[in-house]
Amino acid sequence: NNIPSTDTAVSGELVDMNGQTRTTVQINNNQATFSVAGLPMGVYILNINVNGQVEGHQIAVE
């Protein structure tokens, strides 16, 4: 629920259930953009790093 300011260091990556990074995520102005094209169907974890604190969100690719 905390929205970081635009000068906050934010990065992200999409990992599979084995912990393998599948793609990096571009985060600009608190908006994330990434493509799941070519990924097999399944559940992935979107890890978002905000100033050294990481939060994970499940993403389903159907």
Protein backbone atom coordinates (compact mmCIF):
# COMPACT_ATOMS: atom_id res chain seq x y z
CA ASN A 1 0.00 0.00 0.00
CA ASN A 2 3.02 2.29 0.19
CA ILE A 3 3.57 4.08 -3.08
CA PRO A 4 7.25 4.97 -3.54
CA SER A 5 8.23 8.42 -4.74
CA THR A 6 9.47 8.73 -8.31
CA ASP A 7 13.11 9.02 -7.15
CA THR A 8 12.98 5.74 -5.19
CA ALA A 9 15.16 2.87 -6.47
CA VAL A 10 12.71 0.23 -7.75
CA SER A 11 13.53 -2.92 -9.73
CA GLY A 12 11.78 -6.18 -10.47
CA GLU A 13 12.16 -9.67 -11.81
CA LEU A 14 9.83 -12.50 -12.72
CA VAL A 15 10.98 -15.89 -11.39
CA ASP A 16 9.59 -19.37 -11.89
CA MET A 17 8.71 -21.74 -9.05
CA ASN A 18 12.28 -23.12 -9.14
CA GLY A 19 13.63 -19.66 -8.34
CA GLN A 20 15.07 -19.16 -11.83
CA THR A 21 14.82 -15.60 -13.20
CA ARG A 22 12.71 -15.63 -16.36
CA THR A 23 12.66 -11.91 -17.17
CA THR A 24 13.52 -8.56 -15.68
CA VAL A 25 10.79 -6.00 -15.16
CA GLN A 26 11.01 -2.35 -16.16
CA ILE A 27 9.52 -0.13 -13.46
CA ASN A 28 9.19 3.57 -14.23
CA ASN A 29 7.03 6.09 -12.37
CA ASN A 30 5.65 3.24 -10.23
CA GLN A 31 4.36 1.33 -13.27
CA ALA A 32 5.71 -2.09 -14.29
CA THR A 33 5.92 -3.36 -17.85
CA PHE A 34 6.91 -6.87 -18.88
CA SER A 35 5.96 -9.54 -21.39
CA VAL A 36 5.04 -13.14 -20.67
CA ALA A 37 5.23 -14.10 -24.34
CA GLY A 38 7.06 -17.38 -24.71
CA LEU A 39 6.67 -18.41 -21.06
CA PRO A 40 4.97 -21.74 -20.37
CA MET A 41 1.64 -21.67 -18.55
CA GLY A 42 2.04 -21.72 -14.79
CA VAL A 43 2.54 -19.66 -11.67
CA TYR A 44 5.43 -17.23 -11.36
CA ILE A 45 6.58 -14.84 -8.66
CA LEU A 46 7.03 -11.15 -9.42
CA ASN A 47 9.69 -9.87 -6.99
CA ILE A 48 9.71 -6.10 -6.58
CA ASN A 49 12.69 -4.52 -4.83
CA VAL A 50 12.00 -1.09 -3.32
CA ASN A 51 15.04 0.43 -1.61
CA GLY A 52 16.33 -3.00 -0.55
CA GLN A 53 12.97 -4.39 0.61
CA VAL A 54 11.62 -7.17 -1.59
CA GLU A 55 7.97 -8.09 -1.89
CA GLY A 56 6.66 -10.97 -3.97
CA HIS A 57 3.42 -11.33 -5.90
CA GLN A 58 2.10 -14.43 -7.63
CA ILE A 59 1.44 -14.09 -11.35
CA ALA A 60 -0.51 -16.73 -13.28
CA VAL A 61 0.33 -17.17 -16.96
CA GLU A 62 -2.55 -18.86 -18.78
